[in-house]
Amino acid sequence: MARPRKPLLSRERIVETASALVDSEGLDAVSTRRLAAELGVSGPSLYNHFRNKDEILDAVADALSARIDLSMFDEGDARGWSDALHDWAVSYRGVLTDHPNVVPVLARGPGRRPAGLRVADAVFGAMVRAGWPPAQATYIGALMRYFITGSALGSFARGFVDDRDAYDPADYPHLGQAHLLAERQEKVDEGAFETGLRALVDGLALQYETFGEKTQR
């Protein structure tokens, strides 16, 4: 029998299958046994590509990091640092909201993941080039990761039920419209993210002016 032209198993196939499992069933659904069954291979064959489940999940997370737009941090891009930071955050959140079950892995930081490290390097490098002191550039990178991943971990609007009777005015006089939040989830959550993002970027812009004044003295 002729050997197949393509290998039966590859890192890409494993990551794609694991990603689909995480999206549909969550992180706990991923195991080497389950992946082997989904891929139609023996369990030990996975270890030719990954040492354990954690490495697989890292690869899934890194595949998502690779989708984040970093073009706004290119040296030839005309956007200022604040607009670049805003647009990057929007792209980052867009990736996470499409794959919310992976957020807990991404929230731990890039570790040794190449795409994740490229994201961190791009943000830090752009802030330093813009004139931020290295320590502050580090704080900005951390702050933005906290905000973006935190916003993608859950939905504020989905935390309310669509039952008007759940919010008795006698007990909750200011929640008379809370039962409408669930059906307006996307608008509420996107509006909250944009409001918070603008507050962060505008606040950083004020700090940036302060640093500029200090360096001119």
N, C-alpha and C. Protein backbone atom coordinates (compact mmCIF):
# COMPACT_ATOMS: atom_id res chain seq x y z
N MET A 1 0.85 -1.21 0.00
CA MET A 1 0.00 0.00 0.00
C MET A 1 0.88 1.25 0.00
N ALA A 2 0.55 2.19 -0.87
CA ALA A 2 1.33 3.43 -0.95
C ALA A 2 1.12 4.27 0.30
N ARG A 3 2.17 4.94 0.73
CA ARG A 3 2.06 5.80 1.90
C ARG A 3 1.28 7.06 1.55
N PRO A 4 0.48 7.58 2.45
CA PRO A 4 -0.28 8.81 2.15
C PRO A 4 0.66 9.97 1.92
N ARG A 5 0.28 10.85 0.99
CA ARG A 5 1.14 11.99 0.66
C ARG A 5 1.24 12.97 1.83
N LYS A 6 0.16 13.11 2.58
CA LYS A 6 0.15 14.02 3.72
C LYS A 6 0.16 13.21 5.01
N PRO A 7 0.88 13.66 6.01
CA PRO A 7 0.86 12.93 7.29
C PRO A 7 -0.53 12.94 7.89
N LEU A 8 -0.85 11.87 8.60
CA LEU A 8 -2.16 11.78 9.22
C LEU A 8 -2.32 12.79 10.34
N LEU A 9 -1.21 13.19 10.92
CA LEU A 9 -1.27 14.08 12.07
C LEU A 9 -0.24 15.18 11.93
N SER A 10 -0.60 16.37 12.37
CA SER A 10 0.31 17.50 12.36
C SER A 10 -0.06 18.42 13.50
N ARG A 11 0.85 19.31 13.85
CA ARG A 11 0.55 20.29 14.89
C ARG A 11 -0.68 21.12 14.51
N GLU A 12 -0.75 21.49 13.22
CA GLU A 12 -1.86 22.32 12.78
C GLU A 12 -3.20 21.62 12.97
N ARG A 13 -3.26 20.35 12.62
CA ARG A 13 -4.52 19.60 12.78
C ARG A 13 -4.90 19.47 14.25
N ILE A 14 -3.92 19.23 15.08
CA ILE A 14 -4.19 19.11 16.52
C ILE A 14 -4.72 20.43 17.06
N VAL A 15 -4.07 21.53 16.70
CA VAL A 15 -4.49 22.84 17.20
C VAL A 15 -5.88 23.19 16.69
N GLU A 16 -6.15 22.93 15.43
CA GLU A 16 -7.48 23.22 14.88
C GLU A 16 -8.56 22.43 15.59
N THR A 17 -8.30 21.17 15.84
CA THR A 17 -9.28 20.31 16.50
C THR A 17 -9.47 20.74 17.95
N ALA A 18 -8.37 21.05 18.63
CA ALA A 18 -8.46 21.51 20.01
C ALA A 18 -9.19 22.84 20.09
N SER A 19 -8.94 23.73 19.14
CA SER A 19 -9.61 25.03 19.12
C SER A 19 -11.12 24.87 18.97
N ALA A 20 -11.52 23.96 18.09
CA ALA A 20 -12.95 23.72 17.89
C ALA A 20 -13.59 23.17 19.15
N LEU A 21 -12.88 22.27 19.84
CA LEU A 21 -13.40 21.72 21.10
C LEU A 21 -13.55 22.80 22.16
N VAL A 22 -12.53 23.65 22.29
CA VAL A 22 -12.58 24.72 23.29
C VAL A 22 -13.74 25.67 22.99
N ASP A 23 -13.89 26.03 21.72
CA ASP A 23 -14.98 26.94 21.34
C ASP A 23 -16.35 26.36 21.65
N SER A 24 -16.52 25.08 21.39
CA SER A 24 -17.85 24.48 21.53
C SER A 24 -18.15 23.98 22.93
N GLU A 25 -17.10 23.50 23.65
CA GLU A 25 -17.36 22.85 24.94
C GLU A 25 -16.54 23.41 26.10
N GLY A 26 -15.55 24.23 25.83
CA GLY A 26 -14.75 24.81 26.91
C GLY A 26 -13.42 24.10 27.09
N LEU A 27 -12.59 24.69 27.94
CA LEU A 27 -11.23 24.18 28.14
C LEU A 27 -11.20 22.77 28.71
N ASP A 28 -12.15 22.45 29.58
CA ASP A 28 -12.16 21.14 30.22
C ASP A 28 -12.43 20.01 29.23
N ALA A 29 -12.96 20.34 28.07
CA ALA A 29 -13.25 19.30 27.08
C ALA A 29 -11.99 18.76 26.42
N VAL A 30 -10.91 19.51 26.54
CA VAL A 30 -9.67 19.11 25.85
C VAL A 30 -8.88 18.14 26.72
N SER A 31 -8.61 16.99 26.17
CA SER A 31 -7.71 16.00 26.77
C SER A 31 -7.05 15.27 25.63
N THR A 32 -5.91 14.66 25.90
CA THR A 32 -5.23 13.94 24.83
C THR A 32 -6.09 12.77 24.34
N ARG A 33 -6.82 12.15 25.25
CA ARG A 33 -7.69 11.04 24.83
C ARG A 33 -8.80 11.54 23.91
N ARG A 34 -9.43 12.65 24.30
CA ARG A 34 -10.53 13.18 23.47
C ARG A 34 -10.01 13.65 22.12
N LEU A 35 -8.88 14.31 22.12
CA LEU A 35 -8.32 14.79 20.85
C LEU A 35 -7.96 13.62 19.93
N ALA A 36 -7.37 12.59 20.51
CA ALA A 36 -7.01 11.43 19.70
C ALA A 36 -8.25 10.82 19.06
N ALA A 37 -9.32 10.74 19.82
CA ALA A 37 -10.58 10.19 19.29
C ALA A 37 -11.12 11.07 18.17
N GLU A 38 -11.09 12.39 18.38
CA GLU A 38 -11.60 13.32 17.37
C GLU A 38 -10.78 13.25 16.08
N LEU A 39 -9.47 13.04 16.24
CA LEU A 39 -8.57 13.01 15.10
C LEU A 39 -8.46 11.63 14.45
N GLY A 40 -8.99 10.62 15.14
CA GLY A 40 -8.93 9.26 14.61
C GLY A 40 -7.54 8.66 14.65
N VAL A 41 -6.80 8.99 15.72
CA VAL A 41 -5.43 8.46 15.86
C VAL A 41 -5.29 7.87 17.26
N SER A 42 -4.18 7.24 17.50
CA SER A 42 -3.91 6.71 18.83
C SER A 42 -3.40 7.84 19.72
N GLY A 43 -3.70 7.75 21.01
CA GLY A 43 -3.31 8.79 21.95
C GLY A 43 -1.82 9.10 21.96
N PRO A 44 -0.96 8.07 22.01
CA PRO A 44 0.48 8.34 22.07
C PRO A 44 1.02 9.13 20.88
N SER A 45 0.34 9.07 19.74
CA SER A 45 0.85 9.78 18.56
C SER A 45 0.83 11.29 18.75
N LEU A 46 -0.03 11.78 19.66
CA LEU A 46 -0.06 13.22 19.93
C LEU A 46 1.24 13.69 20.55
N TYR A 47 1.89 12.81 21.29
CA TYR A 47 3.11 13.20 22.00
C TYR A 47 4.30 13.39 21.07
N ASN A 48 4.12 13.07 19.80
CA ASN A 48 5.16 13.39 18.81
C ASN A 48 5.15 14.88 18.49
N HIS A 49 4.07 15.55 18.87
CA HIS A 49 3.93 16.97 18.55
C HIS A 49 3.82 17.86 19.79
N PHE A 50 3.20 17.35 20.84
CA PHE A 50 3.03 18.11 22.09
C PHE A 50 3.30 17.19 23.27
N ARG A 51 3.92 17.74 24.30
CA ARG A 51 4.25 16.93 25.47
C ARG A 51 3.05 16.67 26.36
N ASN A 52 2.10 17.62 26.39
CA ASN A 52 0.96 17.46 27.28
C ASN A 52 -0.17 18.40 26.86
N LYS A 53 -1.26 18.33 27.60
CA LYS A 53 -2.44 19.16 27.32
C LYS A 53 -2.12 20.64 27.41
N ASP A 54 -1.31 21.04 28.39
CA ASP A 54 -1.00 22.46 28.56
C ASP A 54 -0.31 23.03 27.33
N GLU A 55 0.58 22.24 26.73
CA GLU A 55 1.25 22.72 25.52
C GLU A 55 0.25 22.88 24.38
N ILE A 56 -0.73 22.01 24.30
CA ILE A 56 -1.75 22.12 23.26
C ILE A 56 -2.57 23.39 23.46
N LEU A 57 -2.98 23.64 24.70
CA LEU A 57 -3.76 24.84 24.97
C LEU A 57 -2.94 26.11 24.74
N ASP A 58 -1.66 26.06 25.03
CA ASP A 58 -0.79 27.19 24.73
C ASP A 58 -0.77 27.46 23.22
N ALA A 59 -0.72 26.39 22.44
CA ALA A 59 -0.71 26.54 20.98
C ALA A 59 -2.03 27.09 20.47
N VAL A 60 -3.13 26.65 21.09
CA VAL A 60 -4.44 27.19 20.73
C VAL A 60 -4.48 28.69 21.02
N ALA A 61 -4.02 29.08 22.20
CA ALA A 61 -4.00 30.50 22.57
C ALA A 61 -3.10 31.29 21.64
N ASP A 62 -1.96 30.73 21.28
CA ASP A 62 -1.03 31.47 20.43
C ASP A 62 -1.57 31.64 19.02
N ALA A 63 -2.34 30.65 18.55
CA ALA A 63 -2.97 30.79 17.24
C ALA A 63 -3.93 31.98 17.22
N LEU A 64 -4.60 32.22 18.35
CA LEU A 64 -5.47 33.39 18.45
C LEU A 64 -4.67 34.68 18.50
N SER A 65 -3.58 34.67 19.27
CA SER A 65 -2.73 35.87 19.35
C SER A 65 -2.23 36.28 17.98
N ALA A 66 -1.99 35.31 17.12
CA ALA A 66 -1.48 35.59 15.78
C ALA A 66 -2.51 36.33 14.92
N ARG A 67 -3.78 36.31 15.33
CA ARG A 67 -4.82 36.99 14.57
C ARG A 67 -4.99 38.46 14.97
N ILE A 68 -4.35 38.87 16.03
CA ILE A 68 -4.49 40.25 16.49
C ILE A 68 -3.73 41.18 15.55
N ASP A 69 -4.39 42.23 15.11
CA ASP A 69 -3.78 43.19 14.19
C ASP A 69 -2.72 44.01 14.93
N LEU A 70 -1.51 44.00 14.41
CA LEU A 70 -0.42 44.79 14.99
C LEU A 70 0.09 45.85 14.02
N SER A 71 -0.57 45.99 12.88
CA SER A 71 -0.07 46.90 11.84
C SER A 71 -0.01 48.35 12.31
N MET A 72 -0.87 48.72 13.28
CA MET A 72 -0.88 50.10 13.74
C MET A 72 0.40 50.47 14.52
N PHE A 73 1.19 49.46 14.89
CA PHE A 73 2.43 49.71 15.60
C PHE A 73 3.65 49.75 14.69
N ASP A 74 3.42 49.54 13.38
CA ASP A 74 4.54 49.63 12.44
C ASP A 74 5.09 51.06 12.45
N GLU A 75 6.38 51.17 12.29
CA GLU A 75 7.00 52.50 12.35
C GLU A 75 6.50 53.42 11.25
N GLY A 76 6.06 52.87 10.13
CA GLY A 76 5.56 53.70 9.04
C GLY A 76 4.10 54.07 9.15
N ASP A 77 3.41 53.56 10.17
CA ASP A 77 1.99 53.87 10.32
C ASP A 77 1.82 55.31 10.81
N ALA A 78 0.82 56.00 10.23
CA ALA A 78 0.66 57.42 10.53
C ALA A 78 -0.07 57.68 11.85
N ARG A 79 -0.67 56.66 12.43
CA ARG A 79 -1.41 56.87 13.67
C ARG A 79 -0.48 57.21 14.84
N GLY A 80 -0.91 58.11 15.69
CA GLY A 80 -0.17 58.39 16.91
C GLY A 80 -0.29 57.23 17.88
N TRP A 81 0.49 57.27 18.95
CA TRP A 81 0.52 56.14 19.87
C TRP A 81 -0.85 55.88 20.51
N SER A 82 -1.62 56.95 20.80
CA SER A 82 -2.90 56.76 21.48
C SER A 82 -3.94 56.13 20.55
N ASP A 83 -3.97 56.57 19.30
CA ASP A 83 -4.89 55.96 18.34
C ASP A 83 -4.49 54.52 18.04
N ALA A 84 -3.19 54.29 17.96
CA ALA A 84 -2.70 52.94 17.72
C ALA A 84 -3.09 52.01 18.86
N LEU A 85 -2.94 52.50 20.08
CA LEU A 85 -3.28 51.70 21.25
C LEU A 85 -4.78 51.38 21.25
N HIS A 86 -5.58 52.36 20.92
CA HIS A 86 -7.04 52.16 20.86
C HIS A 86 -7.40 51.11 19.80
N ASP A 87 -6.86 51.28 18.59
CA ASP A 87 -7.22 50.38 17.49
C ASP A 87 -6.73 48.96 17.75
N TRP A 88 -5.57 48.85 18.35
CA TRP A 88 -5.07 47.51 18.71
C TRP A 88 -5.97 46.85 19.73
N ALA A 89 -6.39 47.61 20.73
CA ALA A 89 -7.27 47.06 21.77
C ALA A 89 -8.58 46.56 21.17
N VAL A 90 -9.13 47.30 20.22
CA VAL A 90 -10.36 46.88 19.56
C VAL A 90 -10.15 45.57 18.80
N SER A 91 -9.02 45.47 18.10
CA SER A 91 -8.71 44.23 17.38
C SER A 91 -8.53 43.07 18.33
N TYR A 92 -7.82 43.30 19.42
CA TYR A 92 -7.55 42.27 20.42
C TYR A 92 -8.87 41.76 21.01
N ARG A 93 -9.73 42.69 21.41
CA ARG A 93 -11.00 42.27 22.00
C ARG A 93 -11.86 41.53 20.98
N GLY A 94 -11.81 41.96 19.72
CA GLY A 94 -12.58 41.29 18.68
C GLY A 94 -12.22 39.82 18.56
N VAL A 95 -10.92 39.53 18.64
CA VAL A 95 -10.46 38.15 18.59
C VAL A 95 -10.97 37.37 19.80
N LEU A 96 -10.88 37.99 20.97
CA LEU A 96 -11.28 37.31 22.20
C LEU A 96 -12.78 37.07 22.27
N THR A 97 -13.57 38.03 21.83
CA THR A 97 -15.01 37.85 21.92
C THR A 97 -15.50 36.76 20.97
N ASP A 98 -14.74 36.49 19.91
CA ASP A 98 -15.10 35.39 19.01
C ASP A 98 -14.73 34.03 19.62
N HIS A 99 -13.80 34.04 20.59
CA HIS A 99 -13.34 32.78 21.20
C HIS A 99 -13.18 32.96 22.71
N PRO A 100 -14.26 33.25 23.41
CA PRO A 100 -14.17 33.60 24.84
C PRO A 100 -13.65 32.49 25.73
N ASN A 101 -13.82 31.24 25.34
CA ASN A 101 -13.38 30.14 26.21
C ASN A 101 -11.86 30.04 26.34
N VAL A 102 -11.14 30.68 25.42
CA VAL A 102 -9.67 30.63 25.47
C VAL A 102 -9.11 31.75 26.33
N VAL A 103 -9.94 32.71 26.71
CA VAL A 103 -9.45 33.89 27.43
C VAL A 103 -8.67 33.55 28.70
N PRO A 104 -9.12 32.58 29.52
CA PRO A 104 -8.34 32.28 30.73
C PRO A 104 -6.90 31.88 30.45
N VAL A 105 -6.64 31.23 29.33
CA VAL A 105 -5.27 30.85 28.97
C VAL A 105 -4.49 32.09 28.56
N LEU A 106 -5.09 32.93 27.73
CA LEU A 106 -4.42 34.15 27.29
C LEU A 106 -4.17 35.11 28.44
N ALA A 107 -5.08 35.12 29.40
CA ALA A 107 -4.97 36.04 30.53
C ALA A 107 -3.75 35.76 31.40
N ARG A 108 -3.20 34.55 31.30
CA ARG A 108 -2.01 34.22 32.10
C ARG A 108 -0.75 34.89 31.55
N GLY A 109 -0.84 35.45 30.35
CA GLY A 109 0.33 36.09 29.76
C GLY A 109 0.94 35.24 28.68
N PRO A 110 1.91 35.78 27.93
CA PRO A 110 2.45 35.07 26.76
C PRO A 110 3.38 33.92 27.08
N GLY A 111 4.02 33.94 28.26
CA GLY A 111 4.95 32.85 28.56
C GLY A 111 6.02 32.72 27.49
N ARG A 112 6.06 31.56 26.82
CA ARG A 112 7.00 31.33 25.73
C ARG A 112 6.32 31.32 24.37
N ARG A 113 5.06 31.73 24.32
CA ARG A 113 4.32 31.64 23.06
C ARG A 113 4.80 32.71 22.08
N PRO A 114 5.25 32.33 20.89
CA PRO A 114 5.84 33.29 19.94
C PRO A 114 4.91 34.42 19.53
N ALA A 115 3.69 34.11 19.13
CA ALA A 115 2.77 35.17 18.70
C ALA A 115 2.42 36.09 19.86
N GLY A 116 2.21 35.53 21.04
CA GLY A 116 1.92 36.34 22.21
C GLY A 116 3.08 37.27 22.55
N LEU A 117 4.29 36.78 22.40
CA LEU A 117 5.46 37.61 22.67
C LEU A 117 5.60 38.72 21.62
N ARG A 118 5.22 38.42 20.39
CA ARG A 118 5.26 39.46 19.35
C ARG A 118 4.28 40.58 19.67
N VAL A 119 3.13 40.22 20.22
CA VAL A 119 2.16 41.24 20.63
C VAL A 119 2.76 42.13 21.72
N ALA A 120 3.31 41.49 22.76
CA ALA A 120 3.91 42.26 23.85
C ALA A 120 5.05 43.13 23.36
N ASP A 121 5.87 42.60 22.47
CA ASP A 121 7.02 43.33 21.93
C ASP A 121 6.56 44.54 21.12
N ALA A 122 5.49 44.35 20.33
CA ALA A 122 4.99 45.44 19.49
C ALA A 122 4.44 46.58 20.33
N VAL A 123 3.67 46.25 21.35
CA VAL A 123 3.08 47.28 22.20
C VAL A 123 4.17 48.04 22.96
N PHE A 124 5.07 47.31 23.59
CA PHE A 124 6.14 47.93 24.37
C PHE A 124 7.01 48.80 23.46
N GLY A 125 7.40 48.25 22.32
CA GLY A 125 8.27 49.00 21.41
C GLY A 125 7.63 50.28 20.92
N ALA A 126 6.34 50.22 20.61
CA ALA A 126 5.65 51.41 20.12
C ALA A 126 5.55 52.49 21.20
N MET A 127 5.30 52.06 22.43
CA MET A 127 5.19 53.04 23.51
C MET A 127 6.54 53.70 23.79
N VAL A 128 7.61 52.93 23.77
CA VAL A 128 8.94 53.50 24.01
C VAL A 128 9.32 54.45 22.88
N ARG A 129 9.04 54.06 21.64
CA ARG A 129 9.33 54.95 20.50
C ARG A 129 8.56 56.26 20.61
N ALA A 130 7.36 56.18 21.18
CA ALA A 130 6.54 57.39 21.31
C ALA A 130 7.05 58.31 22.41
N GLY A 131 7.98 57.83 23.23
CA GLY A 131 8.55 58.67 24.27
C GLY A 131 8.20 58.29 25.69
N TRP A 132 7.44 57.21 25.85
CA TRP A 132 7.15 56.74 27.21
C TRP A 132 8.40 56.14 27.83
N PRO A 133 8.67 56.42 29.11
CA PRO A 133 9.77 55.73 29.79
C PRO A 133 9.50 54.23 29.79
N PRO A 134 10.54 53.39 29.70
CA PRO A 134 10.35 51.94 29.63
C PRO A 134 9.46 51.38 30.74
N ALA A 135 9.63 51.89 31.97
CA ALA A 135 8.80 51.38 33.07
C ALA A 135 7.33 51.67 32.80
N GLN A 136 7.03 52.88 32.35
CA GLN A 136 5.64 53.23 32.07
C GLN A 136 5.10 52.45 30.89
N ALA A 137 5.95 52.20 29.90
CA ALA A 137 5.52 51.39 28.75
C ALA A 137 5.14 49.98 29.20
N THR A 138 5.89 49.46 30.16
CA THR A 138 5.55 48.15 30.73
C THR A 138 4.21 48.19 31.44
N TYR A 139 3.99 49.25 32.21
CA TYR A 139 2.72 49.38 32.93
C TYR A 139 1.55 49.47 31.95
N ILE A 140 1.75 50.20 30.86
CA ILE A 140 0.68 50.35 29.87
C ILE A 140 0.33 49.00 29.25
N GLY A 141 1.36 48.23 28.90
CA GLY A 141 1.10 46.90 28.34
C GLY A 141 0.33 46.03 29.30
N ALA A 142 0.71 46.08 30.57
CA ALA A 142 0.01 45.28 31.58
C ALA A 142 -1.42 45.77 31.77
N LEU A 143 -1.57 47.09 31.88
CA LEU A 143 -2.90 47.68 32.07
C LEU A 143 -3.85 47.28 30.94
N MET A 144 -3.38 47.38 29.71
CA MET A 144 -4.24 47.07 28.58
C MET A 144 -4.62 45.59 28.56
N ARG A 145 -3.68 44.73 28.92
CA ARG A 145 -4.00 43.29 28.94
C ARG A 145 -5.04 43.01 30.01
N TYR A 146 -4.89 43.62 31.19
CA TYR A 146 -5.87 43.43 32.25
C TYR A 146 -7.27 43.86 31.77
N PHE A 147 -7.32 45.02 31.15
CA PHE A 147 -8.61 45.57 30.73
C PHE A 147 -9.24 44.74 29.62
N ILE A 148 -8.46 44.40 28.61
CA ILE A 148 -9.01 43.71 27.44
C ILE A 148 -9.44 42.29 27.79
N THR A 149 -8.56 41.55 28.46
CA THR A 149 -8.93 40.17 28.80
C THR A 149 -10.05 40.16 29.83
N GLY A 150 -10.02 41.10 30.76
CA GLY A 150 -11.09 41.16 31.75
C GLY A 150 -12.44 41.42 31.10
N SER A 151 -12.46 42.29 30.10
CA SER A 151 -13.73 42.60 29.43
C SER A 151 -14.27 41.41 28.66
N ALA A 152 -13.38 40.51 28.26
CA ALA A 152 -13.80 39.35 27.47
C ALA A 152 -14.12 38.13 28.32
N LEU A 153 -13.84 38.19 29.62
CA LEU A 153 -14.08 37.03 30.48
C LEU A 153 -15.56 36.79 30.75
N GLY A 154 -16.36 37.83 30.65
CA GLY A 154 -17.78 37.67 30.91
C GLY A 154 -18.55 38.87 30.40
N SER A 155 -19.86 38.74 30.39
CA SER A 155 -20.73 39.80 29.91
C SER A 155 -21.48 40.43 31.07
N PHE A 156 -21.36 41.75 31.23
CA PHE A 156 -22.13 42.47 32.25
C PHE A 156 -23.63 42.31 31.98
N ALA A 157 -24.02 42.53 30.74
CA ALA A 157 -25.44 42.50 30.41
C ALA A 157 -26.05 41.12 30.61
N ARG A 158 -25.29 40.09 30.31
CA ARG A 158 -25.81 38.73 30.44
C ARG A 158 -25.95 38.32 31.90
N GLY A 159 -25.42 39.13 32.80
CA GLY A 159 -25.54 38.83 34.21
C GLY A 159 -26.90 39.15 34.80
N PHE A 160 -27.77 39.75 34.00
CA PHE A 160 -29.12 40.07 34.43
C PHE A 160 -30.12 39.18 33.68
N VAL A 161 -31.19 38.80 34.34
CA VAL A 161 -32.20 37.95 33.70
C VAL A 161 -33.25 38.83 33.03
N ASP A 162 -33.94 38.24 32.04
CA ASP A 162 -34.93 39.01 31.29
C ASP A 162 -36.33 38.93 31.90
N ASP A 163 -36.40 38.82 33.21
CA ASP A 163 -37.65 38.72 33.94
C ASP A 163 -37.86 40.00 34.76
N ARG A 164 -38.83 40.79 34.36
CA ARG A 164 -39.09 42.06 35.05
C ARG A 164 -39.37 41.85 36.54
N ASP A 165 -40.03 40.73 36.86
CA ASP A 165 -40.40 40.47 38.25
C ASP A 165 -39.20 40.21 39.16
N ALA A 166 -38.04 39.95 38.57
CA ALA A 166 -36.84 39.69 39.37
C ALA A 166 -36.31 40.95 40.03
N TYR A 167 -36.79 42.10 39.55
CA TYR A 167 -36.26 43.37 40.04
C TYR A 167 -37.39 44.22 40.63
N ASP A 168 -37.85 43.79 41.78
CA ASP A 168 -38.94 44.47 42.48
C ASP A 168 -38.50 45.89 42.85
N PRO A 169 -39.24 46.90 42.40
CA PRO A 169 -38.86 48.30 42.71
C PRO A 169 -38.73 48.56 44.20
N ALA A 170 -39.44 47.79 45.02
CA ALA A 170 -39.33 48.00 46.47
C ALA A 170 -37.94 47.63 46.97
N ASP A 171 -37.33 46.68 46.31
CA ASP A 171 -35.99 46.24 46.71
C ASP A 171 -34.89 46.91 45.88
N TYR A 172 -35.18 47.12 44.59
CA TYR A 172 -34.16 47.66 43.67
C TYR A 172 -34.77 48.83 42.89
N PRO A 173 -34.89 49.98 43.53
CA PRO A 173 -35.60 51.11 42.90
C PRO A 173 -34.96 51.64 41.63
N HIS A 174 -33.70 51.30 41.38
CA HIS A 174 -33.01 51.84 40.21
C HIS A 174 -32.79 50.80 39.11
N LEU A 175 -33.36 49.63 39.27
CA LEU A 175 -33.15 48.56 38.28
C LEU A 175 -34.43 48.23 37.51
N GLY A 176 -35.26 49.23 37.30
CA GLY A 176 -36.52 49.00 36.62
C GLY A 176 -36.38 48.53 35.18
N GLN A 177 -35.23 48.83 34.54
CA GLN A 177 -34.99 48.42 33.16
C GLN A 177 -33.95 47.31 33.04
N ALA A 178 -33.55 46.76 34.17
CA ALA A 178 -32.46 45.77 34.15
C ALA A 178 -32.84 44.52 33.37
N HIS A 179 -34.13 44.20 33.32
CA HIS A 179 -34.55 42.99 32.60
C HIS A 179 -34.34 43.11 31.09
N LEU A 180 -34.10 44.32 30.60
CA LEU A 180 -33.87 44.53 29.17
C LEU A 180 -32.41 44.37 28.77
N LEU A 181 -31.52 44.30 29.75
CA LEU A 181 -30.09 44.26 29.44
C LEU A 181 -29.69 43.01 28.66
N ALA A 182 -30.26 41.86 29.05
CA ALA A 182 -29.85 40.60 28.42
C ALA A 182 -30.06 40.62 26.92
N GLU A 183 -31.19 41.17 26.47
CA GLU A 183 -31.47 41.18 25.04
C GLU A 183 -30.66 42.24 24.30
N ARG A 184 -30.05 43.14 25.06
CA ARG A 184 -29.23 44.19 24.45
C ARG A 184 -27.75 43.97 24.78
N GLN A 185 -27.40 42.73 24.97
CA GLN A 185 -26.06 42.38 25.45
C GLN A 185 -24.95 42.96 24.60
N GLU A 186 -25.00 42.73 23.31
CA GLU A 186 -23.91 43.18 22.45
C GLU A 186 -23.72 44.69 22.51
N LYS A 187 -24.83 45.44 22.43
CA LYS A 187 -24.73 46.89 22.47
C LYS A 187 -24.19 47.38 23.81
N VAL A 188 -24.68 46.78 24.90
CA VAL A 188 -24.24 47.19 26.23
C VAL A 188 -22.75 46.88 26.43
N ASP A 189 -22.36 45.66 26.10
CA ASP A 189 -20.97 45.26 26.34
C ASP A 189 -19.99 46.01 25.46
N GLU A 190 -20.35 46.23 24.19
CA GLU A 190 -19.47 47.00 23.31
C GLU A 190 -19.40 48.45 23.76
N GLY A 191 -20.53 49.00 24.19
CA GLY A 191 -20.53 50.38 24.67
C GLY A 191 -19.69 50.54 25.92
N ALA A 192 -19.79 49.56 26.81
CA ALA A 192 -18.99 49.61 28.04
C ALA A 192 -17.51 49.51 27.73
N PHE A 193 -17.15 48.62 26.79
CA PHE A 193 -15.74 48.47 26.42
C PHE A 193 -15.20 49.76 25.82
N GLU A 194 -15.94 50.34 24.89
CA GLU A 194 -15.47 51.56 24.24
C GLU A 194 -15.37 52.72 25.24
N THR A 195 -16.33 52.80 26.16
CA THR A 195 -16.29 53.85 27.18
C THR A 195 -15.05 53.70 28.06
N GLY A 196 -14.79 52.48 28.51
CA GLY A 196 -13.63 52.23 29.35
C GLY A 196 -12.33 52.43 28.61
N LEU A 197 -12.29 51.98 27.34
CA LEU A 197 -11.08 52.13 26.54
C LEU A 197 -10.75 53.59 26.32
N ARG A 198 -11.77 54.38 26.00
CA ARG A 198 -11.53 55.81 25.79
C ARG A 198 -11.05 56.48 27.08
N ALA A 199 -11.63 56.08 28.19
CA ALA A 199 -11.21 56.65 29.47
C ALA A 199 -9.74 56.31 29.75
N LEU A 200 -9.35 55.09 29.46
CA LEU A 200 -7.97 54.68 29.68
C LEU A 200 -7.01 55.45 28.77
N VAL A 201 -7.33 55.48 27.49
CA VAL A 201 -6.42 56.12 26.54
C VAL A 201 -6.35 57.62 26.79
N ASP A 202 -7.50 58.24 27.06
CA ASP A 202 -7.49 59.69 27.36
C ASP A 202 -6.71 59.98 28.65
N GLY A 203 -6.87 59.10 29.63
CA GLY A 203 -6.12 59.28 30.88
C GLY A 203 -4.63 59.13 30.66
N LEU A 204 -4.24 58.17 29.83
CA LEU A 204 -2.82 58.00 29.50
C LEU A 204 -2.29 59.21 28.74
N ALA A 205 -3.12 59.78 27.88
CA ALA A 205 -2.69 60.97 27.13
C ALA A 205 -2.38 62.13 28.07
N LEU A 206 -3.17 62.26 29.13
CA LEU A 206 -2.89 63.30 30.12
C LEU A 206 -1.58 63.03 30.85
N GLN A 207 -1.35 61.76 31.20
CA GLN A 207 -0.07 61.41 31.83
C GLN A 207 1.09 61.69 30.89
N TYR A 208 0.89 61.40 29.61
CA TYR A 208 1.94 61.60 28.62
C TYR A 208 2.35 63.07 28.55
N GLU A 209 1.36 63.96 28.62
CA GLU A 209 1.67 65.39 28.62
C GLU A 209 2.50 65.76 29.84
N THR A 210 2.20 65.14 30.97
CA THR A 210 2.94 65.40 32.20
C THR A 210 4.39 64.96 32.07
N PHE A 211 4.60 63.78 31.46
CA PHE A 211 5.97 63.32 31.24
C PHE A 211 6.72 64.26 30.32
N GLY A 212 6.01 64.77 29.30
CA GLY A 212 6.65 65.70 28.37
C GLY A 212 7.06 66.99 29.04
N GLU A 213 6.21 67.47 29.94
CA GLU A 213 6.54 68.71 30.67
C GLU A 213 7.76 68.50 31.57
N LYS A 214 7.85 67.32 32.19
CA LYS A 214 8.98 67.06 33.10
C LYS A 214 10.30 66.99 32.34
N THR A 215 10.26 66.40 31.14
CA THR A 215 11.50 66.26 30.37
C THR A 215 11.97 67.58 29.81
N GLN A 216 11.05 68.54 29.68
CA GLN A 216 11.41 69.85 29.13
C GLN A 216 11.97 70.78 30.19
N ARG A 217 11.82 70.43 31.47
CA ARG A 217 12.30 71.31 32.54
C ARG A 217 13.80 71.19 32.70
